[in-house]
Amino acid sequence: MVAGKSNSKSPRAQLGEVLLHLRQVQSAVVVSVAALKRQNCELDADIATVLQRSVADRLHEQIERIEALMDILTEERRKDTRQDRQK
């Protein structure tokens, strides 16, 4: 979201966009790691290891956290919908 610009999307939709961007970044890192390892240069392998452990692994953890939050939001929405129908 751009600073100073309102976003009318739901929190779940906004999380979905963040998740999409994180997955794209994660894919770029994974491809970079594979390319560096394929070059088979000692320094490239070290850089690939740093990218894998410091970037790709952390991205994976954050993606899992966002997916869990999205599941919680979905379940809360379902509960609210059921409660509204019972009224």
Protein backbone atom coordinates (compact mmCIF):
# COMPACT_ATOMS: atom_id res chain seq x y z
CA MET A 1 0.00 0.00 0.00
CA VAL A 2 1.27 3.45 -0.88
CA ALA A 3 1.78 5.83 2.05
CA GLY A 4 -1.15 8.20 2.45
CA LYS A 5 -3.41 6.12 0.23
CA SER A 6 -6.37 4.34 1.79
CA ASN A 7 -7.01 0.70 1.05
CA SER A 8 -10.60 -0.46 0.96
CA LYS A 9 -9.67 -4.14 0.70
CA SER A 10 -10.40 -6.49 3.56
CA PRO A 11 -7.57 -7.50 5.90
CA ARG A 12 -7.71 -11.00 4.40
CA ALA A 13 -7.37 -9.62 0.86
CA GLN A 14 -4.46 -7.44 1.94
CA LEU A 15 -2.74 -10.43 3.57
CA GLY A 16 -3.32 -12.36 0.35
CA GLU A 17 -1.49 -9.67 -1.61
CA VAL A 18 1.42 -9.68 0.85
CA LEU A 19 1.53 -13.47 0.64
CA LEU A 20 1.66 -13.35 -3.15
CA HIS A 21 4.57 -10.90 -3.08
CA LEU A 22 6.46 -12.97 -0.50
CA ARG A 23 6.02 -16.08 -2.63
CA GLN A 24 7.35 -14.22 -5.67
CA VAL A 25 10.39 -13.05 -3.71
CA GLN A 26 10.91 -16.55 -2.35
CA SER A 27 10.84 -17.96 -5.88
CA ALA A 28 13.44 -15.43 -7.02
CA VAL A 29 15.70 -16.39 -4.12
CA VAL A 30 15.31 -20.11 -4.80
CA VAL A 31 16.20 -19.61 -8.48
CA SER A 32 19.21 -17.47 -7.50
CA VAL A 33 20.41 -20.11 -5.05
CA ALA A 34 20.13 -22.81 -7.70
CA ALA A 35 22.02 -20.69 -10.25
CA LEU A 36 24.79 -19.88 -7.79
CA LYS A 37 25.20 -23.54 -6.82
CA ARG A 38 25.25 -24.59 -10.48
CA GLN A 39 28.12 -22.19 -11.21
CA ASN A 40 30.14 -24.35 -8.82
CA CYS A 41 32.40 -21.57 -7.59
CA GLU A 42 33.35 -21.76 -3.90
CA LEU A 43 32.26 -18.17 -3.16
CA ASP A 44 29.00 -18.64 -5.08
CA ALA A 45 28.17 -21.68 -2.97
CA ASP A 46 28.75 -19.65 0.21
CA ILE A 47 26.50 -16.88 -1.08
CA ALA A 48 23.87 -19.47 -2.01
CA THR A 49 23.98 -20.88 1.52
CA VAL A 50 23.54 -17.42 3.03
CA LEU A 51 20.59 -16.69 0.73
CA GLN A 52 19.00 -20.03 1.54
CA ARG A 53 19.37 -19.77 5.31
CA SER A 54 18.96 -16.02 5.80
CA VAL A 55 16.38 -15.20 3.16
CA ALA A 56 14.52 -18.20 1.74
CA ASP A 57 14.05 -19.96 5.08
CA ARG A 58 12.84 -16.74 6.77
CA LEU A 59 10.47 -16.03 3.89
CA HIS A 60 9.06 -19.53 4.21
CA GLU A 61 8.42 -18.98 7.93
CA GLN A 62 6.64 -15.68 7.28
CA ILE A 63 4.55 -17.21 4.49
CA GLU A 64 3.42 -19.95 6.87
CA ARG A 65 2.52 -17.36 9.53
CA ILE A 66 0.44 -15.35 7.06
CA GLU A 67 -1.30 -18.49 5.81
CA ALA A 68 -2.20 -19.37 9.41
CA LEU A 69 -3.55 -15.84 9.99
CA MET A 70 -5.61 -16.08 6.82
CA ASP A 71 -7.07 -19.38 8.04
CA ILE A 72 -7.99 -17.73 11.35
CA LEU A 73 -9.65 -14.82 9.56
CA THR A 74 -11.58 -17.20 7.34
CA GLU A 75 -12.82 -19.19 10.33
CA GLU A 76 -13.80 -16.02 12.19
CA ARG A 77 -15.75 -14.83 9.15
CA ARG A 78 -17.57 -18.17 8.97
CA LYS A 79 -18.49 -17.96 12.67
CA ASP A 80 -19.76 -14.39 12.24
CA THR A 81 -21.84 -15.43 9.23
CA ARG A 82 -23.36 -18.35 11.16
CA GLN A 83 -24.18 -16.10 14.11
CA ASP A 84 -25.79 -13.52 11.83
CA ARG A 85 -27.99 -16.21 10.27
CA GLN A 86 -29.14 -17.38 13.69
CA LYS A 87 -30.36 -13.91 14.67
